[in-house]
């Protein structure tokens, strides 16, 4: 699976290369968005153009429609805000990673049919698994949920009634 950072970097790199082959997007995490591309200022200086014009041209070249929204900020920074759908796909891909040690047959996922229903995704998935007979008394169940942006939580519980610790 390609990391979020690498996905953004590869796509930004092709847009930067359209203006100057090998120009570094200088991709970083950001306090103003999920990521920020800070390489426009130095690129603009090297090619002798106003930074905001260079930023707008890069936005026109970059293909991030399925990954993030892009905003030109300040003198020419690119603020990248990840789409919830992209994050969902990244998380689903992680579930299938063999290093996790959980087979996809052991998972209950409703996002592909319901989208992210926020707090309702977990009870929907649990109800679906229970209705299908995939949960038995005493099973350990790992629950993971996430919200927009970078919020997430996990919980392990024992399925059934009245179990001692």
N, C-alpha and C. Protein backbone atom coordinates (compact mmCIF):
# COMPACT_ATOMS: atom_id res chain seq x y z
N UNK A 1 0.84 -1.18 0.00
CA UNK A 1 0.00 0.00 0.00
C UNK A 1 0.88 1.24 0.00
N UNK A 2 0.52 2.21 -0.80
CA UNK A 2 1.26 3.46 -0.85
C UNK A 2 0.79 4.38 0.28
N UNK A 3 1.73 4.96 1.01
CA UNK A 3 1.36 5.84 2.12
C UNK A 3 0.69 7.11 1.60
N UNK A 4 -0.03 7.78 2.48
CA UNK A 4 -0.68 9.03 2.13
C UNK A 4 0.36 10.05 1.68
N UNK A 5 1.45 10.14 2.42
CA UNK A 5 2.52 11.09 2.08
C UNK A 5 3.05 10.80 0.67
N UNK A 6 3.36 9.53 0.39
CA UNK A 6 3.92 9.18 -0.91
C UNK A 6 2.93 9.42 -2.04
N UNK A 7 1.64 9.16 -1.80
CA UNK A 7 0.61 9.43 -2.81
C UNK A 7 0.61 10.92 -3.16
N UNK A 8 0.60 11.77 -2.14
CA UNK A 8 0.62 13.21 -2.37
C UNK A 8 1.91 13.64 -3.07
N UNK A 9 3.03 13.13 -2.60
CA UNK A 9 4.32 13.55 -3.15
C UNK A 9 4.45 13.19 -4.63
N UNK A 10 4.06 11.97 -5.00
CA UNK A 10 4.16 11.56 -6.41
C UNK A 10 3.31 12.45 -7.30
N UNK A 11 2.10 12.73 -6.86
CA UNK A 11 1.21 13.55 -7.68
C UNK A 11 1.67 15.00 -7.75
N UNK A 12 2.13 15.54 -6.63
CA UNK A 12 2.66 16.91 -6.64
C UNK A 12 3.92 17.00 -7.49
N UNK A 13 4.76 15.97 -7.39
CA UNK A 13 6.03 15.98 -8.13
C UNK A 13 5.79 16.11 -9.63
N UNK A 14 4.79 15.40 -10.15
CA UNK A 14 4.53 15.50 -11.59
C UNK A 14 4.08 16.92 -11.97
N UNK A 15 3.32 17.57 -11.10
CA UNK A 15 2.89 18.94 -11.37
C UNK A 15 4.07 19.91 -11.29
N UNK A 16 4.94 19.73 -10.30
CA UNK A 16 6.13 20.57 -10.19
C UNK A 16 7.06 20.33 -11.38
N UNK A 17 7.18 19.07 -11.80
CA UNK A 17 8.05 18.74 -12.94
C UNK A 17 7.58 19.40 -14.23
N UNK A 18 6.27 19.68 -14.33
CA UNK A 18 5.75 20.35 -15.53
C UNK A 18 6.32 21.76 -15.66
N UNK A 19 6.70 22.36 -14.53
CA UNK A 19 7.28 23.71 -14.56
C UNK A 19 8.81 23.68 -14.52
N UNK A 20 9.37 22.74 -13.76
CA UNK A 20 10.83 22.59 -13.68
C UNK A 20 11.12 21.16 -13.25
N UNK A 21 11.62 20.34 -14.15
CA UNK A 21 11.91 18.95 -13.79
C UNK A 21 12.81 18.86 -12.55
N UNK A 22 12.37 18.04 -11.61
CA UNK A 22 13.14 17.83 -10.39
C UNK A 22 12.88 18.81 -9.27
N UNK A 23 11.99 19.80 -9.50
CA UNK A 23 11.69 20.79 -8.45
C UNK A 23 11.04 20.06 -7.26
N UNK A 24 11.48 20.38 -6.07
CA UNK A 24 11.00 19.71 -4.85
C UNK A 24 9.73 20.39 -4.33
N UNK A 25 8.63 19.64 -4.20
CA UNK A 25 7.40 20.23 -3.66
C UNK A 25 7.51 20.63 -2.18
N UNK A 26 8.50 20.10 -1.46
CA UNK A 26 8.69 20.35 -0.03
C UNK A 26 7.36 20.10 0.71
N UNK A 27 6.95 18.85 0.70
CA UNK A 27 5.70 18.44 1.32
C UNK A 27 5.90 18.21 2.81
N UNK A 28 5.03 18.82 3.62
CA UNK A 28 5.10 18.70 5.07
C UNK A 28 3.70 18.57 5.65
N UNK A 29 3.59 18.04 6.87
CA UNK A 29 2.32 18.13 7.59
C UNK A 29 2.13 19.59 7.97
N UNK A 30 0.89 19.96 8.26
CA UNK A 30 0.60 21.37 8.47
C UNK A 30 -0.38 21.58 9.62
N UNK A 31 -0.29 22.71 10.27
CA UNK A 31 -1.25 23.09 11.30
C UNK A 31 -2.50 23.71 10.68
N UNK A 32 -2.41 24.13 9.42
CA UNK A 32 -3.53 24.80 8.76
C UNK A 32 -4.37 23.86 7.89
N UNK A 33 -3.81 22.72 7.57
CA UNK A 33 -4.50 21.69 6.79
C UNK A 33 -3.80 20.38 7.12
N UNK A 34 -4.12 19.32 6.39
CA UNK A 34 -3.46 18.05 6.68
C UNK A 34 -2.00 18.06 6.23
N UNK A 35 -1.76 18.60 5.03
CA UNK A 35 -0.41 18.72 4.49
C UNK A 35 -0.27 20.08 3.82
N UNK A 36 0.99 20.47 3.60
CA UNK A 36 1.26 21.73 2.90
C UNK A 36 2.45 21.52 1.99
N UNK A 37 2.36 22.04 0.76
CA UNK A 37 3.49 22.03 -0.18
C UNK A 37 4.12 23.42 -0.12
N UNK A 38 5.36 23.45 0.33
CA UNK A 38 6.05 24.74 0.54
C UNK A 38 7.11 25.04 -0.50
N UNK A 39 7.23 24.24 -1.55
CA UNK A 39 8.30 24.41 -2.53
C UNK A 39 8.04 25.44 -3.60
N UNK A 40 6.91 26.09 -3.57
CA UNK A 40 6.55 27.02 -4.63
C UNK A 40 7.38 28.30 -4.58
N UNK A 41 7.66 28.78 -3.39
CA UNK A 41 8.42 30.04 -3.27
C UNK A 41 9.78 29.93 -3.95
N UNK A 42 10.50 28.86 -3.65
CA UNK A 42 11.84 28.72 -4.26
C UNK A 42 11.73 28.45 -5.75
N UNK A 43 10.73 27.68 -6.17
CA UNK A 43 10.53 27.43 -7.59
C UNK A 43 10.21 28.73 -8.33
N UNK A 44 9.33 29.53 -7.77
CA UNK A 44 8.96 30.80 -8.39
C UNK A 44 10.17 31.71 -8.55
N UNK A 45 11.02 31.73 -7.54
CA UNK A 45 12.23 32.56 -7.61
C UNK A 45 13.15 32.08 -8.73
N UNK A 46 13.30 30.76 -8.84
CA UNK A 46 14.20 30.21 -9.88
C UNK A 46 13.68 30.47 -11.29
N UNK A 47 12.36 30.44 -11.47
CA UNK A 47 11.83 30.63 -12.83
C UNK A 47 11.37 32.07 -13.08
N UNK A 48 11.54 32.95 -12.07
CA UNK A 48 11.28 34.38 -12.24
C UNK A 48 9.81 34.74 -12.42
N UNK A 49 8.94 34.08 -11.64
CA UNK A 49 7.51 34.35 -11.74
C UNK A 49 6.92 34.59 -10.36
N UNK A 50 5.79 35.30 -10.27
CA UNK A 50 5.15 35.51 -8.97
C UNK A 50 4.71 34.17 -8.36
N UNK A 51 4.97 33.96 -7.08
CA UNK A 51 4.66 32.68 -6.43
C UNK A 51 3.18 32.26 -6.53
N UNK A 52 2.26 33.19 -6.37
CA UNK A 52 0.84 32.82 -6.44
C UNK A 52 0.46 32.35 -7.85
N UNK A 53 1.08 32.97 -8.88
CA UNK A 53 0.83 32.51 -10.26
C UNK A 53 1.37 31.09 -10.45
N UNK A 54 2.55 30.83 -9.91
CA UNK A 54 3.14 29.49 -9.99
C UNK A 54 2.24 28.49 -9.25
N UNK A 55 1.76 28.89 -8.07
CA UNK A 55 0.88 28.01 -7.29
C UNK A 55 -0.38 27.67 -8.07
N UNK A 56 -0.98 28.67 -8.69
CA UNK A 56 -2.20 28.43 -9.47
C UNK A 56 -1.92 27.49 -10.65
N UNK A 57 -0.77 27.64 -11.28
CA UNK A 57 -0.44 26.77 -12.39
C UNK A 57 -0.22 25.33 -11.91
N UNK A 58 0.42 25.17 -10.77
CA UNK A 58 0.62 23.83 -10.22
C UNK A 58 -0.73 23.20 -9.87
N UNK A 59 -1.64 23.97 -9.30
CA UNK A 59 -2.99 23.47 -9.00
C UNK A 59 -3.65 22.98 -10.29
N UNK A 60 -3.42 23.69 -11.39
CA UNK A 60 -3.98 23.28 -12.67
C UNK A 60 -3.39 22.00 -13.21
N UNK A 61 -2.15 21.68 -12.82
CA UNK A 61 -1.47 20.47 -13.30
C UNK A 61 -1.67 19.26 -12.39
N UNK A 62 -1.89 19.49 -11.10
CA UNK A 62 -1.90 18.38 -10.14
C UNK A 62 -3.23 17.63 -10.18
N UNK A 63 -3.15 16.32 -10.10
CA UNK A 63 -4.34 15.46 -10.09
C UNK A 63 -4.55 14.92 -8.68
N UNK A 64 -5.33 15.66 -7.89
CA UNK A 64 -5.61 15.25 -6.51
C UNK A 64 -7.10 15.13 -6.23
N UNK A 65 -7.93 15.12 -7.28
CA UNK A 65 -9.38 15.14 -7.10
C UNK A 65 -9.88 14.02 -6.19
N UNK A 66 -9.26 12.83 -6.25
CA UNK A 66 -9.72 11.71 -5.43
C UNK A 66 -8.99 11.61 -4.09
N UNK A 67 -8.08 12.56 -3.83
CA UNK A 67 -7.24 12.49 -2.63
C UNK A 67 -7.47 13.65 -1.67
N UNK A 68 -7.41 14.87 -2.19
CA UNK A 68 -7.44 16.04 -1.31
C UNK A 68 -7.95 17.26 -2.05
N UNK A 69 -8.44 18.22 -1.28
CA UNK A 69 -8.74 19.54 -1.84
C UNK A 69 -7.48 20.39 -1.69
N UNK A 70 -7.30 21.32 -2.61
CA UNK A 70 -6.09 22.15 -2.63
C UNK A 70 -6.49 23.61 -2.55
N UNK A 71 -5.83 24.34 -1.67
CA UNK A 71 -6.07 25.78 -1.52
C UNK A 71 -4.74 26.50 -1.62
N UNK A 72 -4.68 27.54 -2.44
CA UNK A 72 -3.50 28.39 -2.49
C UNK A 72 -3.62 29.36 -1.32
N UNK A 73 -2.60 29.38 -0.46
CA UNK A 73 -2.64 30.19 0.75
C UNK A 73 -1.42 31.11 0.81
N UNK A 74 -1.61 32.24 1.46
CA UNK A 74 -0.51 33.18 1.66
C UNK A 74 0.15 33.55 0.35
N UNK A 75 1.47 33.68 0.37
CA UNK A 75 2.17 34.11 -0.83
C UNK A 75 2.31 33.02 -1.89
N UNK A 76 1.91 31.78 -1.57
CA UNK A 76 2.01 30.73 -2.58
C UNK A 76 2.19 29.34 -2.02
N UNK A 77 1.68 29.09 -0.84
CA UNK A 77 1.72 27.74 -0.27
C UNK A 77 0.49 26.98 -0.76
N UNK A 78 0.59 25.67 -0.82
CA UNK A 78 -0.56 24.84 -1.14
C UNK A 78 -0.99 24.09 0.10
N UNK A 79 -2.20 24.38 0.59
CA UNK A 79 -2.78 23.64 1.71
C UNK A 79 -3.57 22.48 1.14
N UNK A 80 -3.28 21.27 1.61
CA UNK A 80 -3.91 20.05 1.13
C UNK A 80 -4.73 19.44 2.25
N UNK A 81 -6.04 19.35 2.05
CA UNK A 81 -6.94 18.76 3.03
C UNK A 81 -7.45 17.45 2.47
N UNK A 82 -7.13 16.36 3.16
CA UNK A 82 -7.48 15.03 2.68
C UNK A 82 -8.99 14.82 2.68
N UNK A 83 -9.48 14.16 1.63
CA UNK A 83 -10.90 13.82 1.53
C UNK A 83 -11.20 12.64 2.45
N UNK A 84 -12.33 12.66 3.17
CA UNK A 84 -12.69 11.51 4.00
C UNK A 84 -12.74 10.20 3.21
N UNK A 85 -13.21 10.25 1.98
CA UNK A 85 -13.26 9.03 1.15
C UNK A 85 -11.89 8.44 0.90
N UNK A 86 -10.89 9.30 0.70
CA UNK A 86 -9.52 8.82 0.52
C UNK A 86 -9.02 8.16 1.79
N UNK A 87 -9.30 8.79 2.93
CA UNK A 87 -8.89 8.21 4.21
C UNK A 87 -9.56 6.86 4.45
N UNK A 88 -10.82 6.76 4.08
CA UNK A 88 -11.54 5.49 4.22
C UNK A 88 -10.85 4.41 3.39
N UNK A 89 -10.50 4.75 2.15
CA UNK A 89 -9.83 3.76 1.27
C UNK A 89 -8.47 3.37 1.85
N UNK A 90 -7.75 4.32 2.40
CA UNK A 90 -6.45 4.01 3.00
C UNK A 90 -6.62 3.06 4.19
N UNK A 91 -7.62 3.35 5.05
CA UNK A 91 -7.86 2.49 6.21
C UNK A 91 -8.30 1.09 5.80
N UNK A 92 -9.16 1.00 4.79
CA UNK A 92 -9.60 -0.31 4.32
C UNK A 92 -8.43 -1.10 3.75
N UNK A 93 -7.53 -0.43 3.06
CA UNK A 93 -6.35 -1.11 2.52
C UNK A 93 -5.46 -1.62 3.66
N UNK A 94 -5.38 -0.85 4.74
CA UNK A 94 -4.59 -1.30 5.89
C UNK A 94 -5.18 -2.55 6.53
N UNK A 95 -6.50 -2.64 6.53
CA UNK A 95 -7.15 -3.82 7.10
C UNK A 95 -6.71 -5.09 6.40
N UNK A 96 -6.47 -5.00 5.11
CA UNK A 96 -6.06 -6.16 4.34
C UNK A 96 -4.57 -6.46 4.40
N UNK A 97 -3.81 -5.67 5.15
CA UNK A 97 -2.36 -5.87 5.23
C UNK A 97 -2.07 -7.12 6.06
N UNK A 98 -1.36 -8.06 5.48
CA UNK A 98 -1.09 -9.34 6.16
C UNK A 98 -0.29 -9.16 7.44
N UNK A 99 0.46 -8.05 7.56
CA UNK A 99 1.23 -7.82 8.79
C UNK A 99 0.31 -7.60 9.99
N UNK A 100 -0.93 -7.21 9.76
CA UNK A 100 -1.89 -7.01 10.84
C UNK A 100 -2.34 -8.33 11.44
N UNK A 101 -2.31 -9.38 10.62
CA UNK A 101 -2.67 -10.71 11.12
C UNK A 101 -4.16 -10.96 11.22
N UNK A 102 -4.95 -10.14 10.55
CA UNK A 102 -6.40 -10.31 10.56
C UNK A 102 -6.85 -10.53 9.11
N UNK A 103 -7.45 -11.68 8.85
CA UNK A 103 -7.94 -11.97 7.50
C UNK A 103 -9.16 -11.11 7.21
N UNK A 104 -9.34 -10.72 5.97
CA UNK A 104 -10.49 -9.90 5.60
C UNK A 104 -11.81 -10.60 5.94
N UNK A 105 -11.81 -11.93 5.94
CA UNK A 105 -13.02 -12.68 6.29
C UNK A 105 -13.42 -12.46 7.75
N UNK A 106 -12.48 -12.00 8.56
CA UNK A 106 -12.75 -11.75 9.98
C UNK A 106 -13.21 -10.32 10.24
N UNK A 107 -13.38 -9.53 9.20
CA UNK A 107 -13.76 -8.13 9.38
C UNK A 107 -15.23 -7.93 9.00
N UNK A 108 -15.80 -6.89 9.53
CA UNK A 108 -17.16 -6.46 9.17
C UNK A 108 -17.06 -5.00 8.75
N UNK A 109 -17.25 -4.76 7.48
CA UNK A 109 -17.10 -3.41 6.93
C UNK A 109 -18.40 -3.01 6.25
N UNK A 110 -18.90 -1.86 6.58
CA UNK A 110 -20.11 -1.36 5.94
C UNK A 110 -19.85 -0.10 5.11
N UNK A 111 -18.66 0.47 5.22
CA UNK A 111 -18.35 1.72 4.54
C UNK A 111 -18.56 1.65 3.04
N UNK A 112 -18.28 0.49 2.45
CA UNK A 112 -18.41 0.36 1.00
C UNK A 112 -19.87 0.45 0.55
N UNK A 113 -20.80 0.21 1.46
CA UNK A 113 -22.23 0.27 1.12
C UNK A 113 -22.93 1.49 1.72
N UNK A 114 -22.49 1.94 2.88
CA UNK A 114 -23.18 3.03 3.56
C UNK A 114 -22.42 4.35 3.54
N UNK A 115 -21.14 4.30 3.18
CA UNK A 115 -20.30 5.48 3.36
C UNK A 115 -20.01 5.64 4.84
N UNK A 116 -19.30 6.68 5.20
CA UNK A 116 -18.99 6.91 6.60
C UNK A 116 -20.22 7.51 7.27
N UNK A 117 -20.83 6.73 8.14
CA UNK A 117 -22.01 7.20 8.87
C UNK A 117 -21.62 7.67 10.27
N UNK A 118 -20.37 8.05 10.41
CA UNK A 118 -19.82 8.52 11.69
C UNK A 118 -20.02 7.47 12.77
N UNK A 119 -20.62 7.84 13.89
CA UNK A 119 -20.76 6.93 15.03
C UNK A 119 -21.64 5.73 14.71
N UNK A 120 -22.48 5.80 13.69
CA UNK A 120 -23.37 4.68 13.36
C UNK A 120 -22.64 3.54 12.64
N UNK A 121 -21.47 3.78 12.09
CA UNK A 121 -20.76 2.73 11.34
C UNK A 121 -20.46 1.52 12.21
N UNK A 122 -20.10 1.73 13.44
CA UNK A 122 -19.74 0.61 14.32
C UNK A 122 -20.96 -0.25 14.66
N UNK A 123 -22.06 0.31 15.16
CA UNK A 123 -23.21 -0.56 15.42
C UNK A 123 -23.77 -1.21 14.15
N UNK A 124 -23.70 -0.53 13.01
CA UNK A 124 -24.16 -1.14 11.77
C UNK A 124 -23.32 -2.37 11.43
N UNK A 125 -22.01 -2.25 11.56
CA UNK A 125 -21.12 -3.37 11.25
C UNK A 125 -21.32 -4.51 12.25
N UNK A 126 -21.46 -4.17 13.53
CA UNK A 126 -21.70 -5.20 14.55
C UNK A 126 -23.02 -5.93 14.30
N UNK A 127 -24.07 -5.18 13.99
CA UNK A 127 -25.38 -5.79 13.73
C UNK A 127 -25.31 -6.70 12.51
N UNK A 128 -24.62 -6.25 11.48
CA UNK A 128 -24.49 -7.07 10.28
C UNK A 128 -23.75 -8.37 10.57
N UNK A 129 -22.65 -8.28 11.32
CA UNK A 129 -21.88 -9.48 11.66
C UNK A 129 -22.69 -10.41 12.56
N UNK A 130 -23.42 -9.86 13.51
CA UNK A 130 -24.24 -10.69 14.41
C UNK A 130 -25.38 -11.36 13.64
N UNK A 131 -26.05 -10.61 12.77
CA UNK A 131 -27.15 -11.17 11.98
C UNK A 131 -26.68 -12.28 11.05
N UNK A 132 -25.43 -12.19 10.59
CA UNK A 132 -24.88 -13.20 9.69
C UNK A 132 -24.32 -14.40 10.46
N UNK A 133 -24.40 -14.36 11.80
CA UNK A 133 -23.89 -15.46 12.61
C UNK A 133 -22.38 -15.51 12.70
N UNK A 134 -21.73 -14.38 12.49
CA UNK A 134 -20.27 -14.32 12.51
C UNK A 134 -19.71 -14.02 13.89
N UNK A 135 -20.58 -13.72 14.85
CA UNK A 135 -20.13 -13.45 16.22
C UNK A 135 -20.70 -14.52 17.15
N UNK A 136 -19.84 -15.05 17.99
CA UNK A 136 -20.27 -16.07 18.96
C UNK A 136 -19.99 -15.58 20.37
N UNK A 137 -20.76 -16.10 21.30
CA UNK A 137 -20.58 -15.78 22.71
C UNK A 137 -19.11 -15.97 23.09
N UNK A 138 -18.51 -14.95 23.67
CA UNK A 138 -17.13 -15.03 24.14
C UNK A 138 -16.08 -14.58 23.13
N UNK A 139 -16.47 -14.29 21.89
CA UNK A 139 -15.50 -13.82 20.90
C UNK A 139 -14.89 -12.49 21.34
N UNK A 140 -13.60 -12.32 21.07
CA UNK A 140 -12.97 -11.01 21.24
C UNK A 140 -13.22 -10.22 19.96
N UNK A 141 -13.68 -8.98 20.12
CA UNK A 141 -14.01 -8.14 18.97
C UNK A 141 -13.18 -6.86 19.07
N UNK A 142 -12.45 -6.57 18.00
CA UNK A 142 -11.69 -5.33 17.90
C UNK A 142 -12.53 -4.36 17.08
N UNK A 143 -12.81 -3.21 17.67
CA UNK A 143 -13.60 -2.17 17.01
C UNK A 143 -12.70 -0.98 16.77
N UNK A 144 -12.68 -0.50 15.53
CA UNK A 144 -11.93 0.71 15.20
C UNK A 144 -12.84 1.65 14.45
N UNK A 145 -12.79 2.90 14.82
CA UNK A 145 -13.60 3.91 14.15
C UNK A 145 -12.75 5.15 13.90
N UNK A 146 -13.21 5.95 12.96
CA UNK A 146 -12.49 7.19 12.65
C UNK A 146 -13.46 8.26 12.25
N UNK A 147 -13.02 9.49 12.40
CA UNK A 147 -13.83 10.64 12.02
C UNK A 147 -13.13 11.42 10.93
N UNK A 148 -13.73 12.52 10.56
CA UNK A 148 -13.12 13.37 9.54
C UNK A 148 -11.76 13.85 10.02
N UNK A 149 -10.86 14.00 9.11
CA UNK A 149 -9.51 14.41 9.48
C UNK A 149 -8.73 13.25 10.04
N UNK A 150 -8.08 13.45 11.15
CA UNK A 150 -7.18 12.43 11.69
C UNK A 150 -7.62 11.92 13.06
N UNK A 151 -8.91 11.85 13.34
CA UNK A 151 -9.39 11.33 14.62
C UNK A 151 -9.73 9.86 14.49
N UNK A 152 -9.41 9.09 15.50
CA UNK A 152 -9.71 7.66 15.47
C UNK A 152 -9.70 7.11 16.89
N UNK A 153 -10.29 5.95 17.05
CA UNK A 153 -10.27 5.26 18.34
C UNK A 153 -10.48 3.77 18.09
N UNK A 154 -10.00 2.96 19.02
CA UNK A 154 -10.17 1.51 18.94
C UNK A 154 -10.53 0.97 20.31
N UNK A 155 -11.17 -0.21 20.31
CA UNK A 155 -11.62 -0.84 21.53
C UNK A 155 -11.65 -2.35 21.30
N UNK A 156 -11.26 -3.12 22.30
CA UNK A 156 -11.41 -4.57 22.26
C UNK A 156 -12.44 -4.94 23.31
N UNK A 157 -13.44 -5.73 22.90
CA UNK A 157 -14.46 -6.18 23.85
C UNK A 157 -14.72 -7.67 23.66
N UNK A 158 -15.31 -8.28 24.67
CA UNK A 158 -15.71 -9.68 24.58
C UNK A 158 -17.21 -9.70 24.27
N UNK A 159 -17.57 -10.38 23.18
CA UNK A 159 -18.95 -10.40 22.71
C UNK A 159 -19.81 -11.30 23.59
N UNK A 160 -20.97 -10.82 23.95
CA UNK A 160 -21.91 -11.63 24.69
C UNK A 160 -22.40 -10.93 25.95
N UNK A 161 -23.02 -11.71 26.81
CA UNK A 161 -23.63 -11.17 28.03
C UNK A 161 -22.86 -11.59 29.25
N UNK A 162 -22.68 -10.67 30.19
CA UNK A 162 -22.22 -10.99 31.53
C UNK A 162 -20.88 -11.68 31.67
N UNK A 163 -19.90 -11.32 30.87
CA UNK A 163 -18.58 -11.94 31.01
C UNK A 163 -17.80 -11.24 32.10
N UNK A 164 -17.06 -12.03 32.87
CA UNK A 164 -16.15 -11.46 33.85
C UNK A 164 -14.92 -10.96 33.12
N UNK A 165 -14.20 -10.10 33.79
CA UNK A 165 -12.97 -9.57 33.18
C UNK A 165 -11.99 -10.63 33.01
